[in-house]
PDB file of N, CA and C in Angstrom:
ATOM      1  N   UNK A   1     -11.257  -7.638  13.805  1.00  0.00           N
ATOM      2  CA  UNK A   1     -11.047  -7.740  11.232  1.00  0.00           C
ATOM      3  C   UNK A   1     -12.239  -8.221  11.265  1.00  0.00           C
ATOM      4  N   UNK A   2     -13.390  -7.603  10.458  1.00  0.00           N
ATOM      5  CA  UNK A   2     -14.107  -8.216   8.977  1.00  0.00           C
ATOM      6  C   UNK A   2     -13.443  -8.812   8.127  1.00  0.00           C
ATOM      7  N   UNK A   3     -14.793  -9.817   7.665  1.00  0.00           N
ATOM      8  CA  UNK A   3     -14.208 -10.809   6.775  1.00  0.00           C
ATOM      9  C   UNK A   3     -15.191 -10.660   5.761  1.00  0.00           C
ATOM     10  N   UNK A   4     -15.537 -10.488   4.311  1.00  0.00           N
ATOM     11  CA  UNK A   4     -15.544 -10.398   3.322  1.00  0.00           C
ATOM     12  C   UNK A   4     -16.094 -11.936   2.446  1.00  0.00           C
ATOM     13  N   UNK A   5     -16.713 -11.912   2.454  1.00  0.00           N
ATOM     14  CA  UNK A   5     -16.871 -12.781   1.333  1.00  0.00           C
ATOM     15  C   UNK A   5     -17.811 -12.553   0.626  1.00  0.00           C
ATOM     16  N   UNK A   6     -17.379 -12.620  -0.842  1.00  0.00           N
ATOM     17  CA  UNK A   6     -17.923 -12.052  -2.145  1.00  0.00           C
ATOM     18  C   UNK A   6     -19.472 -12.832  -2.281  1.00  0.00           C
ATOM     19  N   UNK A   7     -19.185 -13.929  -1.876  1.00  0.00           N
ATOM     20  CA  UNK A   7     -20.735 -14.920  -1.992  1.00  0.00           C
ATOM     21  C   UNK A   7     -21.174 -15.649  -0.742  1.00  0.00           C
ATOM     22  N   UNK A   8     -21.768 -14.030  -0.276  1.00  0.00           N
ATOM     23  CA  UNK A   8     -22.651 -14.298   1.414  1.00  0.00           C
ATOM     24  C   UNK A   8     -23.136 -15.612   1.637  1.00  0.00           C
ATOM     25  N   UNK A   9     -23.505 -16.481   0.610  1.00  0.00           N
ATOM     26  CA  UNK A   9     -24.364 -17.806   0.808  1.00  0.00           C
ATOM     27  C   UNK A   9     -23.785 -18.803   1.469  1.00  0.00           C
ATOM     28  N   UNK A  10     -21.892 -18.510   1.134  1.00  0.00           N
ATOM     29  CA  UNK A  10     -20.992 -19.721   1.576  1.00  0.00           C
ATOM     30  C   UNK A  10     -20.335 -19.293   2.952  1.00  0.00           C
ATOM     31  N   UNK A  11     -20.088 -20.946   2.943  1.00  0.00           N
ATOM     32  CA  UNK A  11     -19.552 -20.442   4.803  1.00  0.00           C
ATOM     33  C   UNK A  11     -18.520 -20.802   4.196  1.00  0.00           C
ATOM     34  N   UNK A  12     -17.321 -20.161   5.674  1.00  0.00           N
ATOM     35  CA  UNK A  12     -15.921 -20.478   5.243  1.00  0.00           C
ATOM     36  C   UNK A  12     -15.545 -20.435   6.936  1.00  0.00           C
ATOM     37  N   UNK A  13     -14.190 -20.665   7.378  1.00  0.00           N
ATOM     38  CA  UNK A  13     -14.123 -21.054   8.342  1.00  0.00           C
ATOM     39  C   UNK A  13     -13.392 -19.928   8.715  1.00  0.00           C
ATOM     40  N   UNK A  14     -14.266 -18.411   9.119  1.00  0.00           N
ATOM     41  CA  UNK A  14     -13.854 -17.417   9.971  1.00  0.00           C
ATOM     42  C   UNK A  14     -13.104 -17.700  11.037  1.00  0.00           C
ATOM     43  N   UNK A  15     -13.384 -18.407  12.234  1.00  0.00           N
ATOM     44  CA  UNK A  15     -12.224 -18.196  13.271  1.00  0.00           C
ATOM     45  C   UNK A  15     -11.306 -18.463  12.688  1.00  0.00           C
ATOM     46  N   UNK A  16     -11.130 -19.233  11.896  1.00  0.00           N
ATOM     47  CA  UNK A  16      -9.448 -19.918  11.398  1.00  0.00           C
ATOM     48  C   UNK A  16      -8.754 -18.775  11.104  1.00  0.00           C
ATOM     49  N   UNK A  17      -9.669 -18.229  10.134  1.00  0.00           N
ATOM     50  CA  UNK A  17      -8.922 -16.919   9.460  1.00  0.00           C
ATOM     51  C   UNK A  17      -8.767 -15.682  10.019  1.00  0.00           C
ATOM     52  N   UNK A  18      -9.664 -15.845  11.208  1.00  0.00           N
ATOM     53  CA  UNK A  18      -9.129 -14.711  12.015  1.00  0.00           C
ATOM     54  C   UNK A  18      -8.434 -14.359  12.694  1.00  0.00           C
ATOM     55  N   UNK A  19      -7.770 -15.491  13.142  1.00  0.00           N
ATOM     56  CA  UNK A  19      -6.717 -16.540  14.042  1.00  0.00           C
ATOM     57  C   UNK A  19      -5.602 -15.710  13.809  1.00  0.00           C
ATOM     58  N   UNK A  20      -5.155 -15.989  12.397  1.00  0.00           N
ATOM     59  CA  UNK A  20      -3.995 -15.037  11.870  1.00  0.00           C
ATOM     60  C   UNK A  20      -4.211 -15.330  10.315  1.00  0.00           C
ATOM     61  N   UNK A  21      -4.807 -14.884   9.722  1.00  0.00           N
ATOM     62  CA  UNK A  21      -5.406 -14.887   8.497  1.00  0.00           C
ATOM     63  C   UNK A  21      -4.192 -14.785   7.400  1.00  0.00           C
ATOM     64  N   UNK A  22      -2.965 -14.689   7.587  1.00  0.00           N
ATOM     65  CA  UNK A  22      -1.421 -14.731   6.460  1.00  0.00           C
ATOM     66  C   UNK A  22      -1.407 -16.149   6.778  1.00  0.00           C
ATOM     67  N   UNK A  23      -1.292 -16.738   7.537  1.00  0.00           N
ATOM     68  CA  UNK A  23      -0.737 -17.742   7.879  1.00  0.00           C
ATOM     69  C   UNK A  23      -2.145 -19.243   7.256  1.00  0.00           C
ATOM     70  N   UNK A  24      -3.890 -18.683   7.488  1.00  0.00           N
ATOM     71  CA  UNK A  24      -3.990 -19.276   6.660  1.00  0.00           C
ATOM     72  C   UNK A  24      -3.923 -19.069   5.274  1.00  0.00           C
ATOM     73  N   UNK A  25      -3.551 -18.129   4.742  1.00  0.00           N
ATOM     74  CA  UNK A  25      -3.701 -18.097   3.131  1.00  0.00           C
ATOM     75  C   UNK A  25      -2.622 -18.396   2.557  1.00  0.00           C
ATOM     76  N   UNK A  26      -1.620 -18.832   3.343  1.00  0.00           N
ATOM     77  CA  UNK A  26      -0.095 -19.073   2.625  1.00  0.00           C
ATOM     78  C   UNK A  26      -0.287 -20.715   2.592  1.00  0.00           C
ATOM     79  N   UNK A  27      -1.198 -21.461   4.060  1.00  0.00           N
ATOM     80  CA  UNK A  27      -1.624 -22.652   3.503  1.00  0.00           C
ATOM     81  C   UNK A  27      -2.755 -22.973   3.333  1.00  0.00           C
ATOM     82  N   UNK A  28      -3.544 -22.508   2.379  1.00  0.00           N
ATOM     83  CA  UNK A  28      -4.109 -22.248   1.348  1.00  0.00           C
ATOM     84  C   UNK A  28      -3.725 -21.998  -0.014  1.00  0.00           C
ATOM     85  N   UNK A  29      -2.558 -21.791  -0.363  1.00  0.00           N
ATOM     86  CA  UNK A  29      -2.074 -21.523  -1.608  1.00  0.00           C
ATOM     87  C   UNK A  29      -1.366 -20.070  -2.103  1.00  0.00           C
ATOM     88  N   UNK A  30      -2.232 -18.836  -1.299  1.00  0.00           N
ATOM     89  CA  UNK A  30      -2.416 -17.652  -1.922  1.00  0.00           C
ATOM     90  C   UNK A  30      -1.008 -17.002  -1.421  1.00  0.00           C
ATOM     91  N   UNK A  31      -0.538 -16.016  -2.628  1.00  0.00           N
ATOM     92  CA  UNK A  31       0.729 -15.775  -2.505  1.00  0.00           C
ATOM     93  C   UNK A  31       0.609 -14.204  -2.332  1.00  0.00           C
ATOM     94  N   UNK A  32       0.956 -13.190  -1.920  1.00  0.00           N
ATOM     95  CA  UNK A  32       1.504 -11.769  -2.474  1.00  0.00           C
ATOM     96  C   UNK A  32       1.758 -11.269  -3.598  1.00  0.00           C
ATOM     97  N   UNK A  33       0.488 -10.613  -4.248  1.00  0.00           N
ATOM     98  CA  UNK A  33       0.235 -10.559  -6.139  1.00  0.00           C
ATOM     99  C   UNK A  33       0.915  -8.788  -6.065  1.00  0.00           C
ATOM    100  N   UNK A  34       0.332  -8.081  -5.097  1.00  0.00           N
ATOM    101  CA  UNK A  34       0.558  -6.701  -5.090  1.00  0.00           C
ATOM    102  C   UNK A  34       0.305  -5.856  -3.888  1.00  0.00           C
ATOM    103  N   UNK A  35       0.611  -4.482  -3.761  1.00  0.00           N
ATOM    104  CA  UNK A  35       0.568  -3.816  -2.743  1.00  0.00           C
ATOM    105  C   UNK A  35      -0.126  -2.443  -3.513  1.00  0.00           C
ATOM    106  N   UNK A  36      -0.920  -2.154  -2.652  1.00  0.00           N
ATOM    107  CA  UNK A  36      -1.478  -0.630  -3.391  1.00  0.00           C
ATOM    108  C   UNK A  36      -1.375   0.505  -2.049  1.00  0.00           C
ATOM    109  N   UNK A  37      -0.464   1.304  -2.571  1.00  0.00           N
ATOM    110  CA  UNK A  37      -0.239   2.418  -1.488  1.00  0.00           C
ATOM    111  C   UNK A  37      -1.397   3.515  -1.391  1.00  0.00           C
ATOM    112  N   UNK A  38      -2.075   4.027  -0.386  1.00  0.00           N
ATOM    113  CA  UNK A  38      -2.980   5.095  -0.244  1.00  0.00           C
ATOM    114  C   UNK A  38      -2.373   6.175   0.762  1.00  0.00           C
ATOM    115  N   UNK A  39      -2.159   7.366   0.175  1.00  0.00           N
ATOM    116  CA  UNK A  39      -1.590   8.229   1.181  1.00  0.00           C
ATOM    117  C   UNK A  39      -2.742   9.571   0.802  1.00  0.00           C
ATOM    118  N   UNK A  40      -2.503  10.188   2.453  1.00  0.00           N
ATOM    119  CA  UNK A  40      -3.378  11.443   2.221  1.00  0.00           C
ATOM    120  C   UNK A  40      -2.854  12.453   3.595  1.00  0.00           C
ATOM    121  N   UNK A  41      -2.186  13.653   2.580  1.00  0.00           N
ATOM    122  CA  UNK A  41      -1.299  14.228   3.868  1.00  0.00           C
ATOM    123  C   UNK A  41      -0.563  13.805   4.717  1.00  0.00           C
ATOM    124  N   UNK A  42      -0.634  13.374   5.833  1.00  0.00           N
ATOM    125  CA  UNK A  42       0.174  12.609   6.665  1.00  0.00           C
ATOM    126  C   UNK A  42      -0.232  11.119   6.703  1.00  0.00           C
ATOM    127  N   UNK A  43      -1.578  10.517   6.336  1.00  0.00           N
ATOM    128  CA  UNK A  43      -1.742   9.629   6.797  1.00  0.00           C
ATOM    129  C   UNK A  43      -1.492   8.460   5.518  1.00  0.00           C
ATOM    130  N   UNK A  44      -0.703   7.178   6.119  1.00  0.00           N
ATOM    131  CA  UNK A  44      -0.821   6.059   4.699  1.00  0.00           C
ATOM    132  C   UNK A  44      -1.495   4.485   5.166  1.00  0.00           C
ATOM    133  N   UNK A  45      -1.262   3.942   4.348  1.00  0.00           N
ATOM    134  CA  UNK A  45      -1.705   2.688   4.401  1.00  0.00           C
ATOM    135  C   UNK A  45      -1.537   2.129   3.087  1.00  0.00           C
ATOM    136  N   UNK A  46      -1.093   0.655   3.165  1.00  0.00           N
ATOM    137  CA  UNK A  46      -0.984  -0.458   2.093  1.00  0.00           C
ATOM    138  C   UNK A  46      -1.992  -1.237   2.312  1.00  0.00           C
ATOM    139  N   UNK A  47      -2.854  -1.528   1.109  1.00  0.00           N
ATOM    140  CA  UNK A  47      -3.915  -2.556   0.660  1.00  0.00           C
ATOM    141  C   UNK A  47      -3.165  -3.637   0.253  1.00  0.00           C
ATOM    142  N   UNK A  48      -3.171  -5.035   0.427  1.00  0.00           N
ATOM    143  CA  UNK A  48      -2.111  -6.174   0.040  1.00  0.00           C
ATOM    144  C   UNK A  48      -3.346  -7.121  -0.681  1.00  0.00           C
ATOM    145  N   UNK A  49      -2.934  -7.152  -2.053  1.00  0.00           N
ATOM    146  CA  UNK A  49      -3.962  -8.240  -2.627  1.00  0.00           C
ATOM    147  C   UNK A  49      -3.063  -9.633  -2.629  1.00  0.00           C
ATOM    148  N   UNK A  50      -3.118 -10.438  -2.775  1.00  0.00           N
ATOM    149  CA  UNK A  50      -3.073 -12.151  -3.003  1.00  0.00           C
ATOM    150  C   UNK A  50      -3.759 -12.956  -3.772  1.00  0.00           C
ATOM    151  N   UNK A  51      -3.165 -13.839  -4.540  1.00  0.00           N
ATOM    152  CA  UNK A  51      -3.733 -14.393  -5.409  1.00  0.00           C
ATOM    153  C   UNK A  51      -3.583 -15.853  -5.529  1.00  0.00           C
ATOM    154  N   UNK A  52      -4.601 -16.877  -5.659  1.00  0.00           N
ATOM    155  CA  UNK A  52      -4.555 -18.107  -5.954  1.00  0.00           C
ATOM    156  C   UNK A  52      -3.638 -18.722  -7.075  1.00  0.00           C
ATOM    157  N   UNK A  53      -2.792 -19.661  -7.352  1.00  0.00           N
ATOM    158  CA  UNK A  53      -2.237 -19.533  -7.866  1.00  0.00           C
ATOM    159  C   UNK A  53      -3.158 -20.405  -9.250  1.00  0.00           C
ATOM    160  N   UNK A  54      -4.201 -21.306  -8.661  1.00  0.00           N
ATOM    161  CA  UNK A  54      -4.814 -22.526  -9.622  1.00  0.00           C
ATOM    162  C   UNK A  54      -5.751 -20.712  -9.711  1.00  0.00           C
ATOM    163  N   UNK A  55      -5.746 -20.867 -11.453  1.00  0.00           N
ATOM    164  CA  UNK A  55      -6.836 -20.196 -12.332  1.00  0.00           C
ATOM    165  C   UNK A  55      -7.975 -20.298 -12.139  1.00  0.00           C
ATOM    166  N   UNK A  56      -8.580 -21.885 -11.692  1.00  0.00           N
ATOM    167  CA  UNK A  56      -9.798 -22.121 -11.345  1.00  0.00           C
ATOM    168  C   UNK A  56     -10.257 -22.045 -10.128  1.00  0.00           C
ATOM    169  N   UNK A  57      -9.497 -21.528  -9.175  1.00  0.00           N
ATOM    170  CA  UNK A  57      -9.888 -22.000  -7.884  1.00  0.00           C
ATOM    171  C   UNK A  57     -11.012 -20.633  -7.985  1.00  0.00           C
ATOM    172  N   UNK A  58     -11.976 -21.071  -7.040  1.00  0.00           N
ATOM    173  CA  UNK A  58     -13.187 -20.168  -6.343  1.00  0.00           C
ATOM    174  C   UNK A  58     -13.112 -19.050  -5.979  1.00  0.00           C
ATOM    175  N   UNK A  59     -12.051 -19.002  -5.194  1.00  0.00           N
ATOM    176  CA  UNK A  59     -11.984 -17.769  -4.417  1.00  0.00           C
ATOM    177  C   UNK A  59     -10.143 -17.522  -4.501  1.00  0.00           C
ATOM    178  N   UNK A  60     -10.318 -16.576  -5.974  1.00  0.00           N
ATOM    179  CA  UNK A  60      -9.241 -16.335  -6.430  1.00  0.00           C
ATOM    180  C   UNK A  60      -8.638 -14.930  -5.420  1.00  0.00           C
ATOM    181  N   UNK A  61      -8.714 -14.419  -5.531  1.00  0.00           N
ATOM    182  CA  UNK A  61      -8.048 -13.163  -4.447  1.00  0.00           C
ATOM    183  C   UNK A  61      -8.534 -13.112  -3.294  1.00  0.00           C
ATOM    184  N   UNK A  62      -7.354 -12.492  -2.123  1.00  0.00           N
ATOM    185  CA  UNK A  62      -7.717 -12.049  -1.091  1.00  0.00           C
ATOM    186  C   UNK A  62      -7.434 -10.586  -1.050  1.00  0.00           C
ATOM    187  N   UNK A  63      -7.792  -9.731  -0.450  1.00  0.00           N
ATOM    188  CA  UNK A  63      -7.833  -8.367  -0.179  1.00  0.00           C
ATOM    189  C   UNK A  63      -7.645  -7.529   1.232  1.00  0.00           C
ATOM    190  N   UNK A  64      -6.752  -7.280   1.133  1.00  0.00           N
ATOM    191  CA  UNK A  64      -6.482  -6.893   2.754  1.00  0.00           C
ATOM    192  C   UNK A  64      -6.388  -5.412   2.983  1.00  0.00           C
ATOM    193  N   UNK A  65      -7.617  -4.898   3.934  1.00  0.00           N
ATOM    194  CA  UNK A  65      -7.253  -3.513   4.032  1.00  0.00           C
ATOM    195  C   UNK A  65      -7.284  -3.211   5.312  1.00  0.00           C
ATOM    196  N   UNK A  66      -5.825  -2.340   5.608  1.00  0.00           N
ATOM    197  CA  UNK A  66      -5.212  -2.653   6.986  1.00  0.00           C
ATOM    198  C   UNK A  66      -6.037  -1.491   7.453  1.00  0.00           C
ATOM    199  N   UNK A  67      -6.171  -1.256   9.059  1.00  0.00           N
ATOM    200  CA  UNK A  67      -7.022  -0.521  10.244  1.00  0.00           C
ATOM    201  C   UNK A  67      -6.394   0.843   9.752  1.00  0.00           C
ATOM    202  N   UNK A  68      -7.195   1.887   9.576  1.00  0.00           N
ATOM    203  CA  UNK A  68      -6.809   3.240   9.418  1.00  0.00           C
ATOM    204  C   UNK A  68      -6.620   4.056  10.623  1.00  0.00           C
ATOM    205  N   UNK A  69      -5.170   4.224  10.766  1.00  0.00           N
ATOM    206  CA  UNK A  69      -4.675   5.257  12.395  1.00  0.00           C
ATOM    207  C   UNK A  69      -5.013   4.344  13.057  1.00  0.00           C
ATOM    208  N   UNK A  70      -5.261   4.799  14.081  1.00  0.00           N
ATOM    209  CA  UNK A  70      -6.151   4.104  15.460  1.00  0.00           C
ATOM    210  C   UNK A  70      -7.693   3.988  15.428  1.00  0.00           C
ATOM    211  N   UNK A  71      -7.966   3.476  14.353  1.00  0.00           N
ATOM    212  CA  UNK A  71      -9.349   3.635  13.651  1.00  0.00           C
ATOM    213  C   UNK A  71      -9.597   2.083  14.474  1.00  0.00           C
ATOM    214  N   UNK A  72     -11.110   2.175  14.280  1.00  0.00           N
ATOM    215  CA  UNK A  72     -11.819   0.891  14.920  1.00  0.00           C
ATOM    216  C   UNK A  72     -12.388   0.057  13.948  1.00  0.00           C
ATOM    217  N   UNK A  73     -12.431  -1.232  13.893  1.00  0.00           N
ATOM    218  CA  UNK A  73     -14.038  -1.480  12.696  1.00  0.00           C
ATOM    219  C   UNK A  73     -13.278  -0.746  11.241  1.00  0.00           C
ATOM    220  N   UNK A  74     -12.129  -1.006  10.962  1.00  0.00           N
ATOM    221  CA  UNK A  74     -11.512  -0.430   9.577  1.00  0.00           C
ATOM    222  C   UNK A  74     -11.046  -1.545   8.535  1.00  0.00           C
ATOM    223  N   UNK A  75     -10.472  -2.314   9.278  1.00  0.00           N
ATOM    224  CA  UNK A  75      -9.703  -3.245   8.776  1.00  0.00           C
ATOM    225  C   UNK A  75     -10.386  -4.971   8.343  1.00  0.00           C
ATOM    226  N   UNK A  76     -10.607  -5.072   7.261  1.00  0.00           N
ATOM    227  CA  UNK A  76     -11.190  -5.918   6.182  1.00  0.00           C
ATOM    228  C   UNK A  76     -10.266  -6.941   5.727  1.00  0.00           C
ATOM    229  N   UNK A  77     -10.783  -8.380   5.336  1.00  0.00           N
ATOM    230  CA  UNK A  77     -10.184  -8.735   4.558  1.00  0.00           C
ATOM    231  C   UNK A  77     -11.173  -9.923   3.836  1.00  0.00           C
ATOM    232  N   UNK A  78     -11.268  -9.291   2.283  1.00  0.00           N
ATOM    233  CA  UNK A  78     -12.249  -9.042   1.522  1.00  0.00           C
ATOM    234  C   UNK A  78     -11.248 -10.763   0.511  1.00  0.00           C
ATOM    235  N   UNK A  79     -12.497 -11.854   0.532  1.00  0.00           N
ATOM    236  CA  UNK A  79     -12.385 -12.681  -0.153  1.00  0.00           C
ATOM    237  C   UNK A  79     -13.289 -12.794  -1.165  1.00  0.00           C
ATOM    238  N   UNK A  80     -12.483 -13.069  -2.649  1.00  0.00           N
ATOM    239  CA  UNK A  80     -12.976 -12.508  -4.047  1.00  0.00           C
ATOM    240  C   UNK A  80     -12.604 -13.446  -4.580  1.00  0.00           C
ATOM    241  N   UNK A  81     -13.765 -13.867  -5.996  1.00  0.00           N
ATOM    242  CA  UNK A  81     -13.806 -14.731  -6.983  1.00  0.00           C
ATOM    243  C   UNK A  81     -12.839 -14.460  -8.444  1.00  0.00           C
ATOM    244  N   UNK A  82     -12.544 -13.142  -8.921  1.00  0.00           N
ATOM    245  CA  UNK A  82     -11.748 -12.724  -9.624  1.00  0.00           C
ATOM    246  C   UNK A  82     -11.306 -11.166 -10.154  1.00  0.00           C
ATOM    247  N   UNK A  83     -10.283 -10.640 -10.897  1.00  0.00           N
ATOM    248  CA  UNK A  83      -9.567  -9.901 -10.673  1.00  0.00           C
ATOM    249  C   UNK A  83     -10.743  -8.778 -11.075  1.00  0.00           C
ATOM    250  N   UNK A  84     -11.709  -8.695 -11.782  1.00  0.00           N
ATOM    251  CA  UNK A  84     -12.687  -7.618 -12.130  1.00  0.00           C
ATOM    252  C   UNK A  84     -13.760  -7.387 -11.076  1.00  0.00           C
ATOM    253  N   UNK A  85     -13.460  -8.539  -9.816  1.00  0.00           N
ATOM    254  CA  UNK A  85     -14.472  -7.837  -8.862  1.00  0.00           C
ATOM    255  C   UNK A  85     -13.042  -7.271  -7.662  1.00  0.00           C
ATOM    256  N   UNK A  86     -12.731  -7.669  -7.728  1.00  0.00           N
ATOM    257  CA  UNK A  86     -10.835  -7.481  -6.590  1.00  0.00           C
ATOM    258  C   UNK A  86     -10.983  -5.958  -7.406  1.00  0.00           C
ATOM    259  N   UNK A  87     -10.790  -5.379  -8.492  1.00  0.00           N
ATOM    260  CA  UNK A  87     -10.671  -4.271  -9.125  1.00  0.00           C
ATOM    261  C   UNK A  87     -11.864  -3.260  -8.479  1.00  0.00           C
ATOM    262  N   UNK A  88     -13.229  -3.521  -8.943  1.00  0.00           N
ATOM    263  CA  UNK A  88     -14.340  -2.993  -8.128  1.00  0.00           C
ATOM    264  C   UNK A  88     -14.143  -2.551  -6.548  1.00  0.00           C
ATOM    265  N   UNK A  89     -13.764  -3.746  -5.905  1.00  0.00           N
ATOM    266  CA  UNK A  89     -13.720  -3.684  -4.765  1.00  0.00           C
ATOM    267  C   UNK A  89     -12.847  -2.799  -4.369  1.00  0.00           C
ATOM    268  N   UNK A  90     -11.241  -2.946  -4.863  1.00  0.00           N
ATOM    269  CA  UNK A  90     -10.534  -2.170  -4.242  1.00  0.00           C
ATOM    270  C   UNK A  90     -10.917  -0.782  -4.721  1.00  0.00           C
ATOM    271  N   UNK A  91     -11.662  -0.448  -5.344  1.00  0.00           N
ATOM    272  CA  UNK A  91     -12.017   0.704  -5.788  1.00  0.00           C
ATOM    273  C   UNK A  91     -12.594   1.545  -5.219  1.00  0.00           C
ATOM    274  N   UNK A  92     -13.582   0.786  -4.075  1.00  0.00           N
ATOM    275  CA  UNK A  92     -14.573   1.051  -2.984  1.00  0.00           C
ATOM    276  C   UNK A  92     -13.579   1.263  -1.752  1.00  0.00           C
ATOM    277  N   UNK A  93     -12.842   0.491  -1.900  1.00  0.00           N
ATOM    278  CA  UNK A  93     -12.134   0.434  -0.279  1.00  0.00           C
ATOM    279  C   UNK A  93     -11.432   1.860  -0.116  1.00  0.00           C
ATOM    280  N   UNK A  94     -10.771   1.738  -1.679  1.00  0.00           N
ATOM    281  CA  UNK A  94     -10.040   2.759  -1.713  1.00  0.00           C
ATOM    282  C   UNK A  94     -10.803   3.956  -0.873  1.00  0.00           C
ATOM    283  N   UNK A  95     -11.917   4.613  -2.034  1.00  0.00           N
ATOM    284  CA  UNK A  95     -12.430   5.700  -1.612  1.00  0.00           C
ATOM    285  C   UNK A  95     -13.390   5.701   0.177  1.00  0.00           C
ATOM    286  N   UNK A  96     -13.678   4.341   0.756  1.00  0.00           N
ATOM    287  CA  UNK A  96     -13.866   4.707   2.135  1.00  0.00           C
ATOM    288  C   UNK A  96     -12.778   5.103   2.674  1.00  0.00           C
ATOM    289  N   UNK A  97     -11.355   4.514   2.260  1.00  0.00           N
ATOM    290  CA  UNK A  97     -10.633   5.015   3.331  1.00  0.00           C
ATOM    291  C   UNK A  97      -9.816   6.311   3.096  1.00  0.00           C
ATOM    292  N   UNK A  98     -10.103   6.986   1.904  1.00  0.00           N
ATOM    293  CA  UNK A  98      -9.748   8.144   1.937  1.00  0.00           C
ATOM    294  C   UNK A  98     -10.706   8.846   2.376  1.00  0.00           C
ATOM    295  N   UNK A  99     -12.082   8.205   2.745  1.00  0.00           N
ATOM    296  CA  UNK A  99     -13.468   9.081   3.549  1.00  0.00           C
ATOM    297  C   UNK A  99     -12.661   9.477   4.961  1.00  0.00           C
ATOM    298  N   UNK A 100     -12.447   7.980   5.714  1.00  0.00           N
ATOM    299  CA  UNK A 100     -11.475   8.171   6.721  1.00  0.00           C
ATOM    300  C   UNK A 100     -11.030   8.689   7.148  1.00  0.00           C
ATOM    301  N   UNK A 101      -9.806   8.592   6.201  1.00  0.00           N
ATOM    302  CA  UNK A 101      -8.594  10.008   6.186  1.00  0.00           C
ATOM    303  C   UNK A 101      -8.647  11.333   6.161  1.00  0.00           C
ATOM    304  N   UNK A 102      -9.298  11.828   5.590  1.00  0.00           N
ATOM    305  CA  UNK A 102     -10.350  13.424   5.740  1.00  0.00           C
ATOM    306  C   UNK A 102     -10.710  13.285   7.302  1.00  0.00           C
ATOM    307  N   UNK A 103     -11.528  12.196   7.304  1.00  0.00           N
ATOM    308  CA  UNK A 103     -12.290  12.931   8.532  1.00  0.00           C
ATOM    309  C   UNK A 103     -11.312  13.175   9.935  1.00  0.00           C
ATOM    310  N   UNK A 104     -10.476  11.955  10.020  1.00  0.00           N
ATOM    311  CA  UNK A 104      -9.401  11.656  10.930  1.00  0.00           C
ATOM    312  C   UNK A 104      -8.152  13.109  11.003  1.00  0.00           C
ATOM    313  N   UNK A 105      -7.602  13.765   9.804  1.00  0.00           N
ATOM    314  CA  UNK A 105      -7.320  14.881   9.471  1.00  0.00           C
ATOM    315  C   UNK A 105      -7.967  15.873  10.036  1.00  0.00           C
ATOM    316  N   UNK A 106      -9.302  16.004   9.700  1.00  0.00           N
ATOM    317  CA  UNK A 106      -9.869  16.997  10.587  1.00  0.00           C
ATOM    318  C   UNK A 106     -10.072  17.209  11.616  1.00  0.00           C
ATOM    319  N   UNK A 107      -9.846  16.197  12.447  1.00  0.00           N
ATOM    320  CA  UNK A 107      -9.842  15.633  13.633  1.00  0.00           C
ATOM    321  C   UNK A 107      -8.495  16.361  14.467  1.00  0.00           C
ATOM    322  N   UNK A 108      -7.360  15.861  13.825  1.00  0.00           N
ATOM    323  CA  UNK A 108      -6.499  16.415  14.137  1.00  0.00           C
ATOM    324  C   UNK A 108      -6.068  17.614  13.538  1.00  0.00           C
ATOM    325  N   UNK A 109      -6.365  18.442  12.758  1.00  0.00           N
ATOM    326  CA  UNK A 109      -6.096  19.720  13.053  1.00  0.00           C
ATOM    327  C   UNK A 109      -7.507  20.738  12.778  1.00  0.00           C
ATOM    328  N   UNK A 110      -7.676  21.661  14.273  1.00  0.00           N
ATOM    329  CA  UNK A 110      -8.748  22.264  14.784  1.00  0.00           C
ATOM    330  C   UNK A 110      -8.795  23.312  14.167  1.00  0.00           C
ATOM    331  N   UNK A 111      -7.756  23.743  12.962  1.00  0.00           N
ATOM    332  CA  UNK A 111      -8.341  25.129  12.631  1.00  0.00           C
ATOM    333  C   UNK A 111      -9.409  25.672  11.771  1.00  0.00           C
TER     334      UNK A 111
END
């Protein structure tokens, strides 16, 4: 899994997060805010959005992009500052996921 922080200059406990990101999120006060399904023909996935309850928290949202099928390097956790950036990144991640899904389906459908 890759972890992307909106502020590339800040350091964060990447090793701790990678070990069990959901435990880290819960321990740091994040709660599941919503899920966003994405389906293309036979392939489905579910993005997870976590929100920090403190409106002044610097890293207000987490966006989890699960792996797509049996692909590698498609699982991402984004640490984001606000709803606007979350929405922008979510749309970009959805487009990327749809592209990968199309490629996987073309690979599975030799016609």
